[in-house]
Amino acid sequence: MTPPVKLSHTAALILQTIRQGYCYGFDIMDVTGLPSGTVYPALRRLERDGVVQSKWEGETSAQQQDRPPRKYYRLTRLGNGTLLDAVKRYPLLEQLTPEAKTRSRQGVTP
């Protein structure tokens, strides 16, 4: 059995934000107010620990919108369980995150 992943408040907030539908770095930064120097290292650690998975979008989609390709993140099964444990440990976490982003606002499904 895999030992539980211990999350900081920041990592838990990032997971909660991803679960709400904010799935790429700049979106996570915008919603949480966290700087890139916090978000991107945390995302790399979370991916290394198997809590999130990432996938680059196709270049065609990015080119059509005249921007660089985005790397989208999603919670793994372990990530969902880890987030549930974090919400129990940090009960205010649910009050700190935004409402779920709708599919139509999200634009691209990761």
N, C-alpha and C. Protein backbone atom coordinates (compact mmCIF):
# COMPACT_ATOMS: atom_id res chain seq x y z
N MET A 1 0.85 -1.19 0.00
CA MET A 1 0.00 0.00 0.00
C MET A 1 0.89 1.25 0.00
N THR A 2 0.50 2.23 -0.77
CA THR A 2 1.26 3.47 -0.86
C THR A 2 1.04 4.32 0.38
N PRO A 3 2.14 4.81 0.98
CA PRO A 3 1.95 5.67 2.15
C PRO A 3 1.24 6.96 1.74
N PRO A 4 0.46 7.54 2.65
CA PRO A 4 -0.26 8.76 2.30
C PRO A 4 0.71 9.91 2.01
N VAL A 5 0.31 10.76 1.08
CA VAL A 5 1.09 11.93 0.72
C VAL A 5 0.68 13.05 1.68
N LYS A 6 1.66 13.65 2.33
CA LYS A 6 1.36 14.76 3.23
C LYS A 6 1.47 16.05 2.45
N LEU A 7 0.44 16.86 2.55
CA LEU A 7 0.38 18.11 1.80
C LEU A 7 0.52 19.32 2.70
N SER A 8 1.18 20.32 2.18
CA SER A 8 1.18 21.63 2.83
C SER A 8 -0.16 22.30 2.53
N HIS A 9 -0.43 23.40 3.21
CA HIS A 9 -1.65 24.17 2.90
C HIS A 9 -1.65 24.59 1.43
N THR A 10 -0.50 25.02 0.96
CA THR A 10 -0.38 25.51 -0.42
C THR A 10 -0.67 24.39 -1.42
N ALA A 11 -0.06 23.23 -1.23
CA ALA A 11 -0.28 22.10 -2.14
C ALA A 11 -1.74 21.66 -2.11
N ALA A 12 -2.34 21.65 -0.93
CA ALA A 12 -3.75 21.28 -0.81
C ALA A 12 -4.64 22.29 -1.55
N LEU A 13 -4.31 23.58 -1.45
CA LEU A 13 -5.07 24.61 -2.16
C LEU A 13 -4.94 24.42 -3.68
N ILE A 14 -3.75 24.08 -4.14
CA ILE A 14 -3.55 23.84 -5.57
C ILE A 14 -4.37 22.63 -6.02
N LEU A 15 -4.37 21.55 -5.26
CA LEU A 15 -5.18 20.37 -5.61
C LEU A 15 -6.66 20.71 -5.65
N GLN A 16 -7.11 21.45 -4.66
CA GLN A 16 -8.52 21.84 -4.59
C GLN A 16 -8.87 22.69 -5.82
N THR A 17 -7.97 23.56 -6.22
CA THR A 17 -8.21 24.42 -7.37
C THR A 17 -8.29 23.60 -8.66
N ILE A 18 -7.41 22.62 -8.80
CA ILE A 18 -7.46 21.73 -9.97
C ILE A 18 -8.78 20.97 -9.99
N ARG A 19 -9.18 20.47 -8.82
CA ARG A 19 -10.44 19.74 -8.75
C ARG A 19 -11.63 20.61 -9.17
N GLN A 20 -11.53 21.91 -8.94
CA GLN A 20 -12.61 22.83 -9.30
C GLN A 20 -12.61 23.19 -10.79
N GLY A 21 -11.61 22.71 -11.54
CA GLY A 21 -11.62 22.91 -12.98
C GLY A 21 -10.59 23.90 -13.51
N TYR A 22 -9.74 24.41 -12.65
CA TYR A 22 -8.68 25.33 -13.07
C TYR A 22 -7.43 24.48 -13.27
N CYS A 23 -7.13 24.14 -14.51
CA CYS A 23 -6.23 23.02 -14.78
C CYS A 23 -4.88 23.36 -15.37
N TYR A 24 -4.54 24.62 -15.56
CA TYR A 24 -3.20 24.94 -16.06
C TYR A 24 -2.59 26.03 -15.19
N GLY A 25 -1.28 26.14 -15.24
CA GLY A 25 -0.53 26.96 -14.31
C GLY A 25 -1.01 28.39 -14.13
N PHE A 26 -1.15 29.15 -15.22
CA PHE A 26 -1.57 30.55 -15.08
C PHE A 26 -2.96 30.67 -14.49
N ASP A 27 -3.83 29.74 -14.83
CA ASP A 27 -5.19 29.73 -14.28
C ASP A 27 -5.13 29.50 -12.77
N ILE A 28 -4.31 28.55 -12.34
CA ILE A 28 -4.15 28.25 -10.91
C ILE A 28 -3.57 29.46 -10.19
N MET A 29 -2.58 30.11 -10.80
CA MET A 29 -1.98 31.30 -10.19
C MET A 29 -3.01 32.41 -10.06
N ASP A 30 -3.80 32.61 -11.10
CA ASP A 30 -4.80 33.68 -11.10
C ASP A 30 -5.84 33.47 -10.00
N VAL A 31 -6.30 32.25 -9.87
CA VAL A 31 -7.37 31.94 -8.91
C VAL A 31 -6.86 31.97 -7.46
N THR A 32 -5.67 31.43 -7.25
CA THR A 32 -5.16 31.32 -5.87
C THR A 32 -4.41 32.56 -5.42
N GLY A 33 -3.89 33.33 -6.37
CA GLY A 33 -3.06 34.48 -6.01
C GLY A 33 -1.63 34.09 -5.67
N LEU A 34 -1.30 32.82 -5.88
CA LEU A 34 0.06 32.35 -5.60
C LEU A 34 0.98 32.69 -6.77
N PRO A 35 2.25 32.99 -6.51
CA PRO A 35 3.19 33.31 -7.58
C PRO A 35 3.66 32.06 -8.32
N SER A 36 4.19 32.27 -9.51
CA SER A 36 4.68 31.15 -10.33
C SER A 36 5.78 30.36 -9.61
N GLY A 37 6.60 31.04 -8.83
CA GLY A 37 7.67 30.38 -8.09
C GLY A 37 7.17 29.46 -7.00
N THR A 38 5.89 29.54 -6.69
CA THR A 38 5.25 28.62 -5.74
C THR A 38 4.47 27.55 -6.47
N VAL A 39 3.68 27.96 -7.46
CA VAL A 39 2.77 27.04 -8.15
C VAL A 39 3.52 25.98 -8.96
N TYR A 40 4.45 26.39 -9.80
CA TYR A 40 5.10 25.41 -10.69
C TYR A 40 5.97 24.40 -9.94
N PRO A 41 6.76 24.80 -8.96
CA PRO A 41 7.49 23.76 -8.19
C PRO A 41 6.53 22.81 -7.46
N ALA A 42 5.44 23.35 -6.94
CA ALA A 42 4.46 22.49 -6.25
C ALA A 42 3.83 21.51 -7.24
N LEU A 43 3.50 21.97 -8.43
CA LEU A 43 2.92 21.07 -9.44
C LEU A 43 3.91 19.97 -9.82
N ARG A 44 5.19 20.31 -9.94
CA ARG A 44 6.20 19.29 -10.25
C ARG A 44 6.29 18.26 -9.12
N ARG A 45 6.27 18.72 -7.86
CA ARG A 45 6.32 17.79 -6.73
C ARG A 45 5.07 16.91 -6.70
N LEU A 46 3.91 17.51 -6.92
CA LEU A 46 2.67 16.75 -6.90
C LEU A 46 2.66 15.70 -8.01
N GLU A 47 3.21 16.06 -9.16
CA GLU A 47 3.28 15.09 -10.26
C GLU A 47 4.28 13.98 -9.93
N ARG A 48 5.41 14.34 -9.38
CA ARG A 48 6.43 13.36 -8.97
C ARG A 48 5.84 12.36 -7.97
N ASP A 49 4.99 12.86 -7.06
CA ASP A 49 4.39 12.02 -6.02
C ASP A 49 3.17 11.24 -6.52
N GLY A 50 2.80 11.42 -7.79
CA GLY A 50 1.68 10.68 -8.36
C GLY A 50 0.31 11.21 -7.99
N VAL A 51 0.26 12.44 -7.51
CA VAL A 51 -1.00 13.04 -7.06
C VAL A 51 -1.71 13.74 -8.22
N VAL A 52 -0.95 14.25 -9.18
CA VAL A 52 -1.50 14.83 -10.40
C VAL A 52 -0.79 14.24 -11.60
N GLN A 53 -1.45 14.29 -12.74
CA GLN A 53 -0.85 13.94 -14.02
C GLN A 53 -0.99 15.15 -14.92
N SER A 54 -0.04 15.28 -15.84
CA SER A 54 -0.11 16.42 -16.75
C SER A 54 -0.11 15.94 -18.19
N LYS A 55 -0.61 16.82 -19.05
CA LYS A 55 -0.65 16.54 -20.48
C LYS A 55 -0.59 17.86 -21.21
N TRP A 56 0.31 17.95 -22.19
CA TRP A 56 0.38 19.16 -23.01
C TRP A 56 -0.76 19.14 -24.01
N GLU A 57 -1.36 20.30 -24.22
CA GLU A 57 -2.39 20.40 -25.24
C GLU A 57 -1.73 20.39 -26.61
N GLY A 58 -2.51 20.13 -27.63
CA GLY A 58 -1.99 20.13 -28.99
C GLY A 58 -1.62 21.54 -29.44
N GLU A 59 -0.57 21.63 -30.25
CA GLU A 59 -0.13 22.94 -30.72
C GLU A 59 -1.17 23.63 -31.59
N THR A 60 -1.97 22.86 -32.31
CA THR A 60 -2.98 23.45 -33.17
C THR A 60 -3.97 24.28 -32.37
N SER A 61 -4.42 23.75 -31.25
CA SER A 61 -5.37 24.47 -30.40
C SER A 61 -4.76 25.77 -29.89
N ALA A 62 -3.51 25.71 -29.46
CA ALA A 62 -2.84 26.90 -28.95
C ALA A 62 -2.62 27.92 -30.07
N GLN A 63 -2.22 27.44 -31.24
CA GLN A 63 -1.99 28.35 -32.37
C GLN A 63 -3.28 29.05 -32.80
N GLN A 64 -4.38 28.33 -32.76
CA GLN A 64 -5.67 28.94 -33.12
C GLN A 64 -6.03 30.08 -32.19
N GLN A 65 -5.56 30.00 -30.96
CA GLN A 65 -5.84 31.06 -29.98
C GLN A 65 -4.64 32.00 -29.82
N ASP A 66 -3.63 31.85 -30.67
CA ASP A 66 -2.46 32.72 -30.71
C ASP A 66 -1.76 32.82 -29.34
N ARG A 67 -1.43 31.66 -28.77
CA ARG A 67 -0.75 31.60 -27.48
C ARG A 67 0.10 30.34 -27.43
N PRO A 68 1.02 30.28 -26.47
CA PRO A 68 1.82 29.05 -26.32
C PRO A 68 0.95 27.89 -25.83
N PRO A 69 1.38 26.65 -26.10
CA PRO A 69 0.63 25.49 -25.59
C PRO A 69 0.60 25.48 -24.06
N ARG A 70 -0.50 24.98 -23.53
CA ARG A 70 -0.67 24.87 -22.08
C ARG A 70 -0.45 23.43 -21.64
N LYS A 71 0.04 23.30 -20.42
CA LYS A 71 0.18 21.99 -19.80
C LYS A 71 -0.98 21.87 -18.81
N TYR A 72 -1.87 20.92 -19.06
CA TYR A 72 -3.04 20.73 -18.22
C TYR A 72 -2.77 19.66 -17.17
N TYR A 73 -3.30 19.91 -15.98
CA TYR A 73 -3.13 18.99 -14.85
C TYR A 73 -4.48 18.42 -14.44
N ARG A 74 -4.45 17.17 -13.98
CA ARG A 74 -5.66 16.54 -13.43
C ARG A 74 -5.25 15.70 -12.24
N LEU A 75 -6.20 15.54 -11.33
CA LEU A 75 -5.94 14.71 -10.15
C LEU A 75 -5.97 13.24 -10.54
N THR A 76 -5.09 12.46 -9.94
CA THR A 76 -5.12 11.02 -10.09
C THR A 76 -6.05 10.45 -9.01
N ARG A 77 -6.22 9.16 -9.03
CA ARG A 77 -7.00 8.52 -7.96
C ARG A 77 -6.34 8.80 -6.61
N LEU A 78 -5.02 8.67 -6.55
CA LEU A 78 -4.28 8.98 -5.33
C LEU A 78 -4.48 10.45 -4.95
N GLY A 79 -4.50 11.32 -5.95
CA GLY A 79 -4.71 12.75 -5.70
C GLY A 79 -6.06 13.04 -5.10
N ASN A 80 -7.09 12.37 -5.59
CA ASN A 80 -8.43 12.57 -5.03
C ASN A 80 -8.47 12.14 -3.57
N GLY A 81 -7.88 10.99 -3.26
CA GLY A 81 -7.84 10.52 -1.88
C GLY A 81 -7.01 11.43 -0.99
N THR A 82 -5.90 11.89 -1.52
CA THR A 82 -5.03 12.80 -0.78
C THR A 82 -5.75 14.11 -0.49
N LEU A 83 -6.49 14.60 -1.47
CA LEU A 83 -7.24 15.84 -1.26
C LEU A 83 -8.33 15.66 -0.21
N LEU A 84 -9.02 14.54 -0.23
CA LEU A 84 -10.05 14.28 0.79
C LEU A 84 -9.43 14.28 2.19
N ASP A 85 -8.25 13.66 2.31
CA ASP A 85 -7.56 13.67 3.61
C ASP A 85 -7.17 15.09 4.01
N ALA A 86 -6.71 15.88 3.04
CA ALA A 86 -6.29 17.26 3.32
C ALA A 86 -7.47 18.11 3.77
N VAL A 87 -8.63 17.92 3.16
CA VAL A 87 -9.82 18.69 3.53
C VAL A 87 -10.22 18.37 4.97
N LYS A 88 -10.05 17.11 5.37
CA LYS A 88 -10.33 16.74 6.77
C LYS A 88 -9.34 17.43 7.71
N ARG A 89 -8.08 17.49 7.27
CA ARG A 89 -7.04 18.09 8.11
C ARG A 89 -7.11 19.61 8.11
N TYR A 90 -7.48 20.20 6.98
CA TYR A 90 -7.58 21.66 6.84
C TYR A 90 -9.02 22.03 6.49
N PRO A 91 -9.94 22.05 7.44
CA PRO A 91 -11.36 22.26 7.13
C PRO A 91 -11.67 23.59 6.44
N LEU A 92 -10.85 24.59 6.63
CA LEU A 92 -11.10 25.87 5.97
C LEU A 92 -10.75 25.85 4.49
N LEU A 93 -10.10 24.80 4.04
CA LEU A 93 -9.67 24.71 2.65
C LEU A 93 -10.83 24.89 1.68
N GLU A 94 -11.95 24.26 1.98
CA GLU A 94 -13.08 24.36 1.06
C GLU A 94 -13.62 25.78 0.95
N GLN A 95 -13.42 26.59 1.97
CA GLN A 95 -13.89 27.98 1.93
C GLN A 95 -12.92 28.89 1.17
N LEU A 96 -11.70 28.43 0.95
CA LEU A 96 -10.69 29.25 0.29
C LEU A 96 -10.67 29.10 -1.22
N THR A 97 -11.31 28.09 -1.74
CA THR A 97 -11.24 27.84 -3.17
C THR A 97 -12.45 28.39 -3.90
N PRO A 98 -12.27 28.67 -5.18
CA PRO A 98 -13.35 29.25 -5.98
C PRO A 98 -14.42 28.22 -6.30
N GLU A 99 -15.51 28.72 -6.82
CA GLU A 99 -16.55 27.82 -7.32
C GLU A 99 -16.00 27.04 -8.51
N ALA A 100 -16.59 25.91 -8.78
CA ALA A 100 -16.14 25.09 -9.89
C ALA A 100 -16.27 25.84 -11.21
N LYS A 101 -15.29 25.67 -12.03
CA LYS A 101 -15.27 26.29 -13.35
C LYS A 101 -16.12 25.41 -14.26
N THR A 102 -16.99 26.02 -15.04
CA THR A 102 -17.84 25.23 -15.92
C THR A 102 -17.05 24.81 -17.15
N ARG A 103 -17.48 23.74 -17.76
CA ARG A 103 -16.80 23.23 -18.96
C ARG A 103 -16.77 24.28 -20.06
N SER A 104 -17.83 25.04 -20.21
CA SER A 104 -17.86 26.04 -21.28
C SER A 104 -16.85 27.15 -21.04
N ARG A 105 -16.63 27.52 -19.77
CA ARG A 105 -15.63 28.54 -19.45
C ARG A 105 -14.22 27.99 -19.60
N GLN A 106 -14.07 26.71 -19.37
CA GLN A 106 -12.76 26.10 -19.39
C GLN A 106 -12.18 26.10 -20.79
N GLY A 107 -13.02 26.01 -21.80
CA GLY A 107 -12.54 26.06 -23.17
C GLY A 107 -12.08 24.73 -23.70
N VAL A 108 -11.02 24.18 -23.16
CA VAL A 108 -10.45 22.94 -23.66
C VAL A 108 -10.53 21.90 -22.56
N THR A 109 -10.97 20.71 -22.91
CA THR A 109 -11.00 19.63 -21.94
C THR A 109 -9.63 18.96 -21.95
N PRO A 110 -8.96 18.91 -20.80
CA PRO A 110 -7.63 18.30 -20.75
C PRO A 110 -7.66 16.83 -21.08
